[in-house]
Amino acid sequence: MLDAIEKQPDLVAIVSDGYENYYPGDLERVVAALPGCGVETPILFCHSKFTPSDDLSLRSPASNLPQLEFWHQADFESLLLSMFSRVDRPFAIANLQEFLLQKLDRVEKELTPWTALN
């Protein structure tokens, strides 16, 4: 993680099923120590689920991190949008707005034949 943060990314996303097989609590301790090392990069835990109704309370390795959940590849777009929305840079906000406007335009074009009032 320190090697990744050294490159000064806008965000670090940790994607995991939440099981800590070797050192329980290790991720939480590492994350808690980062501010003391001068790390200010936002870190986000992306929790993969096995079903949409998984109870993740028993596999939450870092309660000190903001968390997003996903369970299916169909969730990736909303997962990425949620991640990108946490990047506090002007170009990121502009790109996110442009993507959402294009998506809205596509949806409006798809819906127009079905919702047009004659």
PDB file of N, CA and C in Angstrom:
ATOM      1  N   MET A   1       0.822  -1.177   0.000  1.00  0.00           N
ATOM      2  CA  MET A   1       0.000   0.000   0.000  1.00  0.00           C
ATOM      3  C   MET A   1       0.875   1.252   0.000  1.00  0.00           C
ATOM      4  N   LEU A   2       1.941   1.230   0.765  1.00  0.00           N
ATOM      5  CA  LEU A   2       2.824   2.398   0.815  1.00  0.00           C
ATOM      6  C   LEU A   2       3.454   2.670  -0.544  1.00  0.00           C
ATOM      7  N   ASP A   3       3.800   1.617  -1.281  1.00  0.00           N
ATOM      8  CA  ASP A   3       4.352   1.810  -2.622  1.00  0.00           C
ATOM      9  C   ASP A   3       3.336   2.486  -3.538  1.00  0.00           C
ATOM     10  N   ALA A   4       2.087   2.077  -3.427  1.00  0.00           N
ATOM     11  CA  ALA A   4       1.036   2.692  -4.245  1.00  0.00           C
ATOM     12  C   ALA A   4       0.829   4.148  -3.854  1.00  0.00           C
ATOM     13  N   ILE A   5       0.803   4.431  -2.573  1.00  0.00           N
ATOM     14  CA  ILE A   5       0.578   5.797  -2.092  1.00  0.00           C
ATOM     15  C   ILE A   5       1.747   6.703  -2.443  1.00  0.00           C
ATOM     16  N   GLU A   6       2.923   6.140  -2.526  1.00  0.00           N
ATOM     17  CA  GLU A   6       4.114   6.926  -2.876  1.00  0.00           C
ATOM     18  C   GLU A   6       3.972   7.581  -4.242  1.00  0.00           C
ATOM     19  N   LYS A   7       3.173   6.997  -5.119  1.00  0.00           N
ATOM     20  CA  LYS A   7       2.943   7.551  -6.468  1.00  0.00           C
ATOM     21  C   LYS A   7       1.934   8.699  -6.439  1.00  0.00           C
ATOM     22  N   GLN A   8       1.417   9.021  -5.276  1.00  0.00           N
ATOM     23  CA  GLN A   8       0.473  10.115  -5.040  1.00  0.00           C
ATOM     24  C   GLN A   8      -0.809  10.010  -5.866  1.00  0.00           C
ATOM     25  N   PRO A   9      -1.522   8.894  -5.730  1.00  0.00           N
ATOM     26  CA  PRO A   9      -2.805   8.778  -6.440  1.00  0.00           C
ATOM     27  C   PRO A   9      -3.850   9.685  -5.797  1.00  0.00           C
ATOM     28  N   ASP A  10      -4.931   9.911  -6.508  1.00  0.00           N
ATOM     29  CA  ASP A  10      -6.031  10.704  -5.968  1.00  0.00           C
ATOM     30  C   ASP A  10      -6.860   9.910  -4.967  1.00  0.00           C
ATOM     31  N   LEU A  11      -6.810   8.579  -5.086  1.00  0.00           N
ATOM     32  CA  LEU A  11      -7.604   7.705  -4.236  1.00  0.00           C
ATOM     33  C   LEU A  11      -6.976   6.313  -4.270  1.00  0.00           C
ATOM     34  N   VAL A  12      -7.004   5.620  -3.142  1.00  0.00           N
ATOM     35  CA  VAL A  12      -6.591   4.219  -3.089  1.00  0.00           C
ATOM     36  C   VAL A  12      -7.842   3.404  -2.801  1.00  0.00           C
ATOM     37  N   ALA A  13      -8.129   2.440  -3.669  1.00  0.00           N
ATOM     38  CA  ALA A  13      -9.274   1.555  -3.485  1.00  0.00           C
ATOM     39  C   ALA A  13      -8.757   0.159  -3.158  1.00  0.00           C
ATOM     40  N   ILE A  14      -9.207  -0.357  -2.045  1.00  0.00           N
ATOM     41  CA  ILE A  14      -8.868  -1.728  -1.645  1.00  0.00           C
ATOM     42  C   ILE A  14     -10.095  -2.577  -1.924  1.00  0.00           C
ATOM     43  N   VAL A  15      -9.949  -3.543  -2.809  1.00  0.00           N
ATOM     44  CA  VAL A  15     -11.055  -4.424  -3.169  1.00  0.00           C
ATOM     45  C   VAL A  15     -10.807  -5.780  -2.525  1.00  0.00           C
ATOM     46  N   SER A  16     -11.779  -6.239  -1.727  1.00  0.00           N
ATOM     47  CA  SER A  16     -11.582  -7.479  -0.976  1.00  0.00           C
ATOM     48  C   SER A  16     -12.925  -8.090  -0.615  1.00  0.00           C
ATOM     49  N   ASP A  17     -12.904  -9.400  -0.324  1.00  0.00           N
ATOM     50  CA  ASP A  17     -14.098 -10.047   0.198  1.00  0.00           C
ATOM     51  C   ASP A  17     -14.227  -9.839   1.708  1.00  0.00           C
ATOM     52  N   GLY A  18     -13.199  -9.242   2.319  1.00  0.00           N
ATOM     53  CA  GLY A  18     -13.259  -8.907   3.733  1.00  0.00           C
ATOM     54  C   GLY A  18     -12.651  -9.931   4.664  1.00  0.00           C
ATOM     55  N   TYR A  19     -12.272 -11.072   4.124  1.00  0.00           N
ATOM     56  CA  TYR A  19     -11.648 -12.078   4.990  1.00  0.00           C
ATOM     57  C   TYR A  19     -10.167 -11.766   5.168  1.00  0.00           C
ATOM     58  N   GLU A  20      -9.716 -11.778   6.406  1.00  0.00           N
ATOM     59  CA  GLU A  20      -8.292 -11.610   6.704  1.00  0.00           C
ATOM     60  C   GLU A  20      -7.773 -12.981   7.133  1.00  0.00           C
ATOM     61  N   ASN A  21      -7.095 -13.639   6.239  1.00  0.00           N
ATOM     62  CA  ASN A  21      -6.703 -15.025   6.457  1.00  0.00           C
ATOM     63  C   ASN A  21      -5.472 -15.193   7.339  1.00  0.00           C
ATOM     64  N   TYR A  22      -4.612 -14.202   7.399  1.00  0.00           N
ATOM     65  CA  TYR A  22      -3.357 -14.358   8.137  1.00  0.00           C
ATOM     66  C   TYR A  22      -3.291 -13.548   9.421  1.00  0.00           C
ATOM     67  N   TYR A  23      -3.518 -12.258   9.332  1.00  0.00           N
ATOM     68  CA  TYR A  23      -3.361 -11.380  10.492  1.00  0.00           C
ATOM     69  C   TYR A  23      -4.630 -10.567  10.705  1.00  0.00           C
ATOM     70  N   PRO A  24      -5.593 -11.088  11.449  1.00  0.00           N
ATOM     71  CA  PRO A  24      -6.822 -10.334  11.694  1.00  0.00           C
ATOM     72  C   PRO A  24      -6.520  -8.956  12.301  1.00  0.00           C
ATOM     73  N   GLY A  25      -7.161  -7.929  11.738  1.00  0.00           N
ATOM     74  CA  GLY A  25      -6.966  -6.573  12.223  1.00  0.00           C
ATOM     75  C   GLY A  25      -5.799  -5.852  11.575  1.00  0.00           C
ATOM     76  N   ASP A  26      -5.068  -6.534  10.715  1.00  0.00           N
ATOM     77  CA  ASP A  26      -3.879  -5.954  10.101  1.00  0.00           C
ATOM     78  C   ASP A  26      -4.212  -4.726   9.249  1.00  0.00           C
ATOM     79  N   LEU A  27      -5.221  -4.828   8.417  1.00  0.00           N
ATOM     80  CA  LEU A  27      -5.581  -3.698   7.560  1.00  0.00           C
ATOM     81  C   LEU A  27      -5.983  -2.497   8.401  1.00  0.00           C
ATOM     82  N   GLU A  28      -6.759  -2.723   9.434  1.00  0.00           N
ATOM     83  CA  GLU A  28      -7.197  -1.628  10.293  1.00  0.00           C
ATOM     84  C   GLU A  28      -6.000  -0.929  10.961  1.00  0.00           C
ATOM     85  N   ARG A  29      -5.031  -1.707  11.415  1.00  0.00           N
ATOM     86  CA  ARG A  29      -3.832  -1.132  12.037  1.00  0.00           C
ATOM     87  C   ARG A  29      -2.993  -0.353  11.025  1.00  0.00           C
ATOM     88  N   VAL A  30      -2.853  -0.890   9.829  1.00  0.00           N
ATOM     89  CA  VAL A  30      -2.078  -0.194   8.797  1.00  0.00           C
ATOM     90  C   VAL A  30      -2.736   1.135   8.460  1.00  0.00           C
ATOM     91  N   VAL A  31      -4.044   1.116   8.248  1.00  0.00           N
ATOM     92  CA  VAL A  31      -4.773   2.339   7.900  1.00  0.00           C
ATOM     93  C   VAL A  31      -4.684   3.365   9.029  1.00  0.00           C
ATOM     94  N   ALA A  32      -4.766   2.915  10.266  1.00  0.00           N
ATOM     95  CA  ALA A  32      -4.676   3.836  11.406  1.00  0.00           C
ATOM     96  C   ALA A  32      -3.293   4.479  11.499  1.00  0.00           C
ATOM     97  N   ALA A  33      -2.262   3.787  11.038  1.00  0.00           N
ATOM     98  CA  ALA A  33      -0.896   4.313  11.119  1.00  0.00           C
ATOM     99  C   ALA A  33      -0.551   5.270   9.984  1.00  0.00           C
ATOM    100  N   LEU A  34      -1.312   5.264   8.894  1.00  0.00           N
ATOM    101  CA  LEU A  34      -0.962   6.064   7.722  1.00  0.00           C
ATOM    102  C   LEU A  34      -0.886   7.569   7.989  1.00  0.00           C
ATOM    103  N   PRO A  35      -1.833   8.177   8.702  1.00  0.00           N
ATOM    104  CA  PRO A  35      -1.708   9.614   8.954  1.00  0.00           C
ATOM    105  C   PRO A  35      -0.415   9.974   9.690  1.00  0.00           C
ATOM    106  N   GLY A  36       0.048   9.108  10.562  1.00  0.00           N
ATOM    107  CA  GLY A  36       1.307   9.344  11.261  1.00  0.00           C
ATOM    108  C   GLY A  36       2.509   9.317  10.335  1.00  0.00           C
ATOM    109  N   CYS A  37       2.335   8.691   9.173  1.00  0.00           N
ATOM    110  CA  CYS A  37       3.401   8.640   8.156  1.00  0.00           C
ATOM    111  C   CYS A  37       3.259   9.782   7.153  1.00  0.00           C
ATOM    112  N   GLY A  38       2.300  10.671   7.407  1.00  0.00           N
ATOM    113  CA  GLY A  38       2.105  11.814   6.509  1.00  0.00           C
ATOM    114  C   GLY A  38       1.202  11.521   5.323  1.00  0.00           C
ATOM    115  N   VAL A  39       0.525  10.390   5.323  1.00  0.00           N
ATOM    116  CA  VAL A  39      -0.338  10.018   4.199  1.00  0.00           C
ATOM    117  C   VAL A  39      -1.694  10.715   4.345  1.00  0.00           C
ATOM    118  N   GLU A  40      -2.066  11.447   3.313  1.00  0.00           N
ATOM    119  CA  GLU A  40      -3.357  12.127   3.288  1.00  0.00           C
ATOM    120  C   GLU A  40      -4.268  11.608   2.185  1.00  0.00           C
ATOM    121  N   THR A  41      -3.790  10.670   1.409  1.00  0.00           N
ATOM    122  CA  THR A  41      -4.558  10.105   0.303  1.00  0.00           C
ATOM    123  C   THR A  41      -5.803   9.403   0.848  1.00  0.00           C
ATOM    124  N   PRO A  42      -6.975   9.704   0.289  1.00  0.00           N
ATOM    125  CA  PRO A  42      -8.176   9.003   0.741  1.00  0.00           C
ATOM    126  C   PRO A  42      -8.097   7.515   0.374  1.00  0.00           C
ATOM    127  N   ILE A  43      -8.551   6.680   1.291  1.00  0.00           N
ATOM    128  CA  ILE A  43      -8.547   5.236   1.082  1.00  0.00           C
ATOM    129  C   ILE A  43      -9.971   4.746   1.242  1.00  0.00           C
ATOM    130  N   LEU A  44     -10.382   3.894   0.329  1.00  0.00           N
ATOM    131  CA  LEU A  44     -11.752   3.404   0.280  1.00  0.00           C
ATOM    132  C   LEU A  44     -11.730   1.879   0.236  1.00  0.00           C
ATOM    133  N   PHE A  45     -12.557   1.240   1.043  1.00  0.00           N
ATOM    134  CA  PHE A  45     -12.653  -0.213   1.048  1.00  0.00           C
ATOM    135  C   PHE A  45     -13.837  -0.627   0.193  1.00  0.00           C
ATOM    136  N   CYS A  46     -13.584  -1.367  -0.876  1.00  0.00           N
ATOM    137  CA  CYS A  46     -14.631  -1.862  -1.773  1.00  0.00           C
ATOM    138  C   CYS A  46     -14.869  -3.331  -1.440  1.00  0.00           C
ATOM    139  N   HIS A  47     -15.992  -3.589  -0.832  1.00  0.00           N
ATOM    140  CA  HIS A  47     -16.294  -4.896  -0.257  1.00  0.00           C
ATOM    141  C   HIS A  47     -17.099  -5.741  -1.245  1.00  0.00           C
ATOM    142  N   SER A  48     -16.502  -6.830  -1.712  1.00  0.00           N
ATOM    143  CA  SER A  48     -17.232  -7.712  -2.631  1.00  0.00           C
ATOM    144  C   SER A  48     -18.081  -8.684  -1.826  1.00  0.00           C
ATOM    145  N   LYS A  49     -19.302  -8.845  -2.294  1.00  0.00           N
ATOM    146  CA  LYS A  49     -20.240  -9.741  -1.623  1.00  0.00           C
ATOM    147  C   LYS A  49     -20.455 -10.973  -2.505  1.00  0.00           C
ATOM    148  N   PHE A  50     -20.916 -12.042  -1.903  1.00  0.00           N
ATOM    149  CA  PHE A  50     -21.183 -13.265  -2.647  1.00  0.00           C
ATOM    150  C   PHE A  50     -22.628 -13.325  -3.130  1.00  0.00           C
ATOM    151  N   THR A  51     -23.502 -12.622  -2.450  1.00  0.00           N
ATOM    152  CA  THR A  51     -24.903 -12.475  -2.864  1.00  0.00           C
ATOM    153  C   THR A  51     -25.311 -11.049  -2.512  1.00  0.00           C
ATOM    154  N   PRO A  52     -26.384 -10.543  -3.100  1.00  0.00           N
ATOM    155  CA  PRO A  52     -26.787  -9.172  -2.775  1.00  0.00           C
ATOM    156  C   PRO A  52     -27.198  -8.979  -1.325  1.00  0.00           C
ATOM    157  N   SER A  53     -27.536 -10.063  -0.622  1.00  0.00           N
ATOM    158  CA  SER A  53     -28.010  -9.929   0.761  1.00  0.00           C
ATOM    159  C   SER A  53     -26.978 -10.388   1.791  1.00  0.00           C
ATOM    160  N   ASP A  54     -25.708 -10.460   1.419  1.00  0.00           N
ATOM    161  CA  ASP A  54     -24.664 -10.874   2.369  1.00  0.00           C
ATOM    162  C   ASP A  54     -24.646  -9.995   3.613  1.00  0.00           C
ATOM    163  N   ASP A  55     -24.432 -10.633   4.756  1.00  0.00           N
ATOM    164  CA  ASP A  55     -24.200  -9.914   6.006  1.00  0.00           C
ATOM    165  C   ASP A  55     -22.690  -9.736   6.131  1.00  0.00           C
ATOM    166  N   LEU A  56     -22.224  -8.514   6.005  1.00  0.00           N
ATOM    167  CA  LEU A  56     -20.792  -8.249   6.003  1.00  0.00           C
ATOM    168  C   LEU A  56     -20.243  -7.919   7.380  1.00  0.00           C
ATOM    169  N   SER A  57     -21.077  -7.975   8.400  1.00  0.00           N
ATOM    170  CA  SER A  57     -20.625  -7.562   9.731  1.00  0.00           C
ATOM    171  C   SER A  57     -19.500  -8.448  10.271  1.00  0.00           C
ATOM    172  N   LEU A  58     -19.424  -9.687   9.848  1.00  0.00           N
ATOM    173  CA  LEU A  58     -18.378 -10.577  10.343  1.00  0.00           C
ATOM    174  C   LEU A  58     -17.118 -10.571   9.479  1.00  0.00           C
ATOM    175  N   ARG A  59     -17.141  -9.827   8.404  1.00  0.00           N
ATOM    176  CA  ARG A  59     -15.946  -9.729   7.573  1.00  0.00           C
ATOM    177  C   ARG A  59     -15.720  -8.283   7.138  1.00  0.00           C
ATOM    178  N   SER A  60     -15.505  -7.479   8.139  1.00  0.00           N
ATOM    179  CA  SER A  60     -15.230  -6.065   7.936  1.00  0.00           C
ATOM    180  C   SER A  60     -13.855  -5.752   8.525  1.00  0.00           C
ATOM    181  N   PRO A  61     -12.810  -5.873   7.724  1.00  0.00           N
ATOM    182  CA  PRO A  61     -11.446  -5.787   8.255  1.00  0.00           C
ATOM    183  C   PRO A  61     -10.973  -4.385   8.627  1.00  0.00           C
ATOM    184  N   ALA A  62     -11.703  -3.364   8.231  1.00  0.00           N
ATOM    185  CA  ALA A  62     -11.232  -2.007   8.529  1.00  0.00           C
ATOM    186  C   ALA A  62     -12.423  -1.089   8.752  1.00  0.00           C
ATOM    187  N   SER A  63     -12.932  -1.093   9.974  1.00  0.00           N
ATOM    188  CA  SER A  63     -14.086  -0.236  10.279  1.00  0.00           C
ATOM    189  C   SER A  63     -13.718   1.241  10.225  1.00  0.00           C
ATOM    190  N   ASN A  64     -12.420   1.545  10.170  1.00  0.00           N
ATOM    191  CA  ASN A  64     -11.971   2.935  10.111  1.00  0.00           C
ATOM    192  C   ASN A  64     -11.877   3.452   8.678  1.00  0.00           C
ATOM    193  N   LEU A  65     -12.359   2.680   7.710  1.00  0.00           N
ATOM    194  CA  LEU A  65     -12.353   3.107   6.310  1.00  0.00           C
ATOM    195  C   LEU A  65     -13.775   3.289   5.798  1.00  0.00           C
ATOM    196  N   PRO A  66     -13.983   4.290   4.937  1.00  0.00           N
ATOM    197  CA  PRO A  66     -15.273   4.349   4.247  1.00  0.00           C
ATOM    198  C   PRO A  66     -15.406   3.100   3.370  1.00  0.00           C
ATOM    199  N   GLN A  67     -16.624   2.634   3.209  1.00  0.00           N
ATOM    200  CA  GLN A  67     -16.827   1.363   2.510  1.00  0.00           C
ATOM    201  C   GLN A  67     -17.911   1.464   1.459  1.00  0.00           C
ATOM    202  N   LEU A  68     -17.662   0.833   0.329  1.00  0.00           N
ATOM    203  CA  LEU A  68     -18.671   0.621  -0.701  1.00  0.00           C
ATOM    204  C   LEU A  68     -18.836  -0.882  -0.866  1.00  0.00           C
ATOM    205  N   GLU A  69     -20.026  -1.312  -1.232  1.00  0.00           N
ATOM    206  CA  GLU A  69     -20.283  -2.737  -1.419  1.00  0.00           C
ATOM    207  C   GLU A  69     -20.686  -2.997  -2.863  1.00  0.00           C
ATOM    208  N   PHE A  70     -20.298  -4.166  -3.364  1.00  0.00           N
ATOM    209  CA  PHE A  70     -20.744  -4.607  -4.676  1.00  0.00           C
ATOM    210  C   PHE A  70     -20.775  -6.128  -4.681  1.00  0.00           C
ATOM    211  N   TRP A  71     -21.583  -6.705  -5.545  1.00  0.00           N
ATOM    212  CA  TRP A  71     -21.634  -8.163  -5.597  1.00  0.00           C
ATOM    213  C   TRP A  71     -21.624  -8.711  -7.017  1.00  0.00           C
ATOM    214  N   HIS A  72     -21.789  -7.889  -8.005  1.00  0.00           N
ATOM    215  CA  HIS A  72     -21.948  -8.380  -9.368  1.00  0.00           C
ATOM    216  C   HIS A  72     -21.264  -7.414 -10.323  1.00  0.00           C
ATOM    217  N   GLN A  73     -20.847  -7.933 -11.473  1.00  0.00           N
ATOM    218  CA  GLN A  73     -20.184  -7.059 -12.433  1.00  0.00           C
ATOM    219  C   GLN A  73     -21.094  -5.918 -12.890  1.00  0.00           C
ATOM    220  N   ALA A  74     -22.386  -6.100 -12.778  1.00  0.00           N
ATOM    221  CA  ALA A  74     -23.309  -5.022 -13.129  1.00  0.00           C
ATOM    222  C   ALA A  74     -23.204  -3.854 -12.153  1.00  0.00           C
ATOM    223  N   ASP A  75     -22.602  -4.076 -11.000  1.00  0.00           N
ATOM    224  CA  ASP A  75     -22.417  -3.016 -10.007  1.00  0.00           C
ATOM    225  C   ASP A  75     -21.175  -2.168 -10.267  1.00  0.00           C
ATOM    226  N   PHE A  76     -20.324  -2.581 -11.203  1.00  0.00           N
ATOM    227  CA  PHE A  76     -19.046  -1.898 -11.382  1.00  0.00           C
ATOM    228  C   PHE A  76     -19.207  -0.433 -11.779  1.00  0.00           C
ATOM    229  N   GLU A  77     -20.171  -0.136 -12.645  1.00  0.00           N
ATOM    230  CA  GLU A  77     -20.332   1.253 -13.061  1.00  0.00           C
ATOM    231  C   GLU A  77     -20.664   2.140 -11.863  1.00  0.00           C
ATOM    232  N   SER A  78     -21.611   1.721 -11.048  1.00  0.00           N
ATOM    233  CA  SER A  78     -21.960   2.547  -9.887  1.00  0.00           C
ATOM    234  C   SER A  78     -20.827   2.558  -8.865  1.00  0.00           C
ATOM    235  N   LEU A  79     -20.094   1.459  -8.743  1.00  0.00           N
ATOM    236  CA  LEU A  79     -18.931   1.413  -7.848  1.00  0.00           C
ATOM    237  C   LEU A  79     -17.881   2.422  -8.308  1.00  0.00           C
ATOM    238  N   LEU A  80     -17.570   2.415  -9.590  1.00  0.00           N
ATOM    239  CA  LEU A  80     -16.582   3.363 -10.119  1.00  0.00           C
ATOM    240  C   LEU A  80     -17.050   4.804  -9.988  1.00  0.00           C
ATOM    241  N   LEU A  81     -18.315   5.053 -10.272  1.00  0.00           N
ATOM    242  CA  LEU A  81     -18.844   6.414 -10.122  1.00  0.00           C
ATOM    243  C   LEU A  81     -18.740   6.874  -8.672  1.00  0.00           C
ATOM    244  N   SER A  82     -19.052   5.988  -7.747  1.00  0.00           N
ATOM    245  CA  SER A  82     -18.934   6.340  -6.329  1.00  0.00           C
ATOM    246  C   SER A  82     -17.485   6.627  -5.958  1.00  0.00           C
ATOM    247  N   MET A  83     -16.571   5.833  -6.510  1.00  0.00           N
ATOM    248  CA  MET A  83     -15.148   6.065  -6.231  1.00  0.00           C
ATOM    249  C   MET A  83     -14.705   7.404  -6.808  1.00  0.00           C
ATOM    250  N   PHE A  84     -15.048   7.646  -8.070  1.00  0.00           N
ATOM    251  CA  PHE A  84     -14.623   8.884  -8.721  1.00  0.00           C
ATOM    252  C   PHE A  84     -15.234  10.116  -8.058  1.00  0.00           C
ATOM    253  N   SER A  85     -16.419   9.975  -7.493  1.00  0.00           N
ATOM    254  CA  SER A  85     -17.058  11.121  -6.842  1.00  0.00           C
ATOM    255  C   SER A  85     -16.328  11.530  -5.566  1.00  0.00           C
ATOM    256  N   ARG A  86     -15.468  10.672  -5.060  1.00  0.00           N
ATOM    257  CA  ARG A  86     -14.704  10.979  -3.847  1.00  0.00           C
ATOM    258  C   ARG A  86     -13.370  11.662  -4.136  1.00  0.00           C
ATOM    259  N   VAL A  87     -13.041  11.811  -5.415  1.00  0.00           N
ATOM    260  CA  VAL A  87     -11.795  12.471  -5.791  1.00  0.00           C
ATOM    261  C   VAL A  87     -12.064  13.968  -5.858  1.00  0.00           C
ATOM    262  N   ASP A  88     -11.361  14.721  -5.045  1.00  0.00           N
ATOM    263  CA  ASP A  88     -11.601  16.155  -4.937  1.00  0.00           C
ATOM    264  C   ASP A  88     -10.605  16.925  -5.797  1.00  0.00           C
ATOM    265  N   ARG A  89     -10.773  16.815  -7.099  1.00  0.00           N
ATOM    266  CA  ARG A  89      -9.944  17.544  -8.058  1.00  0.00           C
ATOM    267  C   ARG A  89     -10.870  18.138  -9.107  1.00  0.00           C
ATOM    268  N   PRO A  90     -10.596  19.358  -9.551  1.00  0.00           N
ATOM    269  CA  PRO A  90     -11.491  19.981 -10.544  1.00  0.00           C
ATOM    270  C   PRO A  90     -11.682  19.142 -11.807  1.00  0.00           C
ATOM    271  N   PHE A  91     -10.603  18.544 -12.335  1.00  0.00           N
ATOM    272  CA  PHE A  91     -10.748  17.760 -13.563  1.00  0.00           C
ATOM    273  C   PHE A  91     -11.590  16.504 -13.316  1.00  0.00           C
ATOM    274  N   ALA A  92     -11.499  15.935 -12.129  1.00  0.00           N
ATOM    275  CA  ALA A  92     -12.280  14.739 -11.813  1.00  0.00           C
ATOM    276  C   ALA A  92     -13.765  15.075 -11.764  1.00  0.00           C
ATOM    277  N   ILE A  93     -14.087  16.194 -11.150  1.00  0.00           N
ATOM    278  CA  ILE A  93     -15.479  16.620 -11.059  1.00  0.00           C
ATOM    279  C   ILE A  93     -16.037  16.924 -12.444  1.00  0.00           C
ATOM    280  N   ALA A  94     -15.245  17.611 -13.276  1.00  0.00           N
ATOM    281  CA  ALA A  94     -15.686  17.929 -14.632  1.00  0.00           C
ATOM    282  C   ALA A  94     -15.890  16.650 -15.456  1.00  0.00           C
ATOM    283  N   ASN A  95     -14.980  15.699 -15.340  1.00  0.00           N
ATOM    284  CA  ASN A  95     -15.122  14.444 -16.079  1.00  0.00           C
ATOM    285  C   ASN A  95     -16.326  13.648 -15.604  1.00  0.00           C
ATOM    286  N   LEU A  96     -16.561  13.643 -14.313  1.00  0.00           N
ATOM    287  CA  LEU A  96     -17.713  12.935 -13.773  1.00  0.00           C
ATOM    288  C   LEU A  96     -19.010  13.573 -14.267  1.00  0.00           C
ATOM    289  N   GLN A  97     -19.070  14.897 -14.259  1.00  0.00           N
ATOM    290  CA  GLN A  97     -20.253  15.595 -14.759  1.00  0.00           C
ATOM    291  C   GLN A  97     -20.489  15.278 -16.235  1.00  0.00           C
ATOM    292  N   GLU A  98     -19.428  15.292 -17.025  1.00  0.00           N
ATOM    293  CA  GLU A  98     -19.552  15.004 -18.457  1.00  0.00           C
ATOM    294  C   GLU A  98     -20.053  13.583 -18.686  1.00  0.00           C
ATOM    295  N   PHE A  99     -19.511  12.625 -17.953  1.00  0.00           N
ATOM    296  CA  PHE A  99     -19.955  11.232 -18.083  1.00  0.00           C
ATOM    297  C   PHE A  99     -21.436  11.117 -17.742  1.00  0.00           C
ATOM    298  N   LEU A 100     -21.859  11.725 -16.633  1.00  0.00           N
ATOM    299  CA  LEU A 100     -23.260  11.625 -16.214  1.00  0.00           C
ATOM    300  C   LEU A 100     -24.201  12.325 -17.190  1.00  0.00           C
ATOM    301  N   LEU A 101     -23.754  13.447 -17.762  1.00  0.00           N
ATOM    302  CA  LEU A 101     -24.584  14.126 -18.767  1.00  0.00           C
ATOM    303  C   LEU A 101     -24.746  13.257 -20.015  1.00  0.00           C
ATOM    304  N   GLN A 102     -23.667  12.609 -20.441  1.00  0.00           N
ATOM    305  CA  GLN A 102     -23.753  11.720 -21.605  1.00  0.00           C
ATOM    306  C   GLN A 102     -24.668  10.528 -21.312  1.00  0.00           C
ATOM    307  N   LYS A 103     -24.570  10.002 -20.110  1.00  0.00           N
ATOM    308  CA  LYS A 103     -25.424   8.872 -19.716  1.00  0.00           C
ATOM    309  C   LYS A 103     -26.888   9.303 -19.693  1.00  0.00           C
ATOM    310  N   LEU A 104     -27.166  10.474 -19.138  1.00  0.00           N
ATOM    311  CA  LEU A 104     -28.527  10.997 -19.109  1.00  0.00           C
ATOM    312  C   LEU A 104     -29.053  11.197 -20.528  1.00  0.00           C
ATOM    313  N   ASP A 105     -28.215  11.706 -21.417  1.00  0.00           N
ATOM    314  CA  ASP A 105     -28.610  11.909 -22.813  1.00  0.00           C
ATOM    315  C   ASP A 105     -28.980  10.573 -23.469  1.00  0.00           C
ATOM    316  N   ARG A 106     -28.175   9.539 -23.215  1.00  0.00           N
ATOM    317  CA  ARG A 106     -28.478   8.204 -23.780  1.00  0.00           C
ATOM    318  C   ARG A 106     -29.798   7.679 -23.231  1.00  0.00           C
ATOM    319  N   VAL A 107     -30.017   7.846 -21.942  1.00  0.00           N
ATOM    320  CA  VAL A 107     -31.260   7.357 -21.332  1.00  0.00           C
ATOM    321  C   VAL A 107     -32.457   8.107 -21.901  1.00  0.00           C
ATOM    322  N   GLU A 108     -32.325   9.420 -22.043  1.00  0.00           N
ATOM    323  CA  GLU A 108     -33.431  10.208 -22.600  1.00  0.00           C
ATOM    324  C   GLU A 108     -33.763   9.763 -24.020  1.00  0.00           C
ATOM    325  N   LYS A 109     -32.742   9.454 -24.818  1.00  0.00           N
ATOM    326  CA  LYS A 109     -32.985   9.007 -26.198  1.00  0.00           C
ATOM    327  C   LYS A 109     -33.657   7.642 -26.216  1.00  0.00           C
ATOM    328  N   GLU A 110     -33.301   6.786 -25.281  1.00  0.00           N
ATOM    329  CA  GLU A 110     -33.920   5.469 -25.214  1.00  0.00           C
ATOM    330  C   GLU A 110     -35.387   5.561 -24.746  1.00  0.00           C
ATOM    331  N   LEU A 111     -35.655   6.480 -23.825  1.00  0.00           N
ATOM    332  CA  LEU A 111     -36.994   6.587 -23.272  1.00  0.00           C
ATOM    333  C   LEU A 111     -37.964   7.364 -24.151  1.00  0.00           C
ATOM    334  N   THR A 112     -37.481   8.253 -24.975  1.00  0.00           N
ATOM    335  CA  THR A 112     -38.338   9.130 -25.758  1.00  0.00           C
ATOM    336  C   THR A 112     -39.388   8.359 -26.554  1.00  0.00           C
ATOM    337  N   PRO A 113     -39.042   7.296 -27.285  1.00  0.00           N
ATOM    338  CA  PRO A 113     -40.087   6.586 -28.035  1.00  0.00           C
ATOM    339  C   PRO A 113     -41.159   5.970 -27.131  1.00  0.00           C
ATOM    340  N   TRP A 114     -40.815   5.648 -25.905  1.00  0.00           N
ATOM    341  CA  TRP A 114     -41.757   4.989 -25.011  1.00  0.00           C
ATOM    342  C   TRP A 114     -42.598   5.979 -24.202  1.00  0.00           C
ATOM    343  N   THR A 115     -42.077   7.165 -24.007  1.00  0.00           N
ATOM    344  CA  THR A 115     -42.779   8.093 -23.132  1.00  0.00           C
ATOM    345  C   THR A 115     -43.344   9.312 -23.852  1.00  0.00           C
ATOM    346  N   ALA A 116     -43.098   9.416 -25.155  1.00  0.00           N
ATOM    347  CA  ALA A 116     -43.561  10.598 -25.885  1.00  0.00           C
ATOM    348  C   ALA A 116     -45.086  10.635 -25.902  1.00  0.00           C
ATOM    349  N   LEU A 117     -45.602  11.810 -25.604  1.00  0.00           N
ATOM    350  CA  LEU A 117     -47.054  12.000 -25.638  1.00  0.00           C
ATOM    351  C   LEU A 117     -47.454  12.461 -27.034  1.00  0.00           C
ATOM    352  N   ASN A 118     -48.397  11.773 -27.612  1.00  0.00           N
ATOM    353  CA  ASN A 118     -48.878  12.141 -28.962  1.00  0.00           C
ATOM    354  C   ASN A 118     -50.192  12.847 -28.881  1.00  0.00           C
TER     355      ASN A 118
END
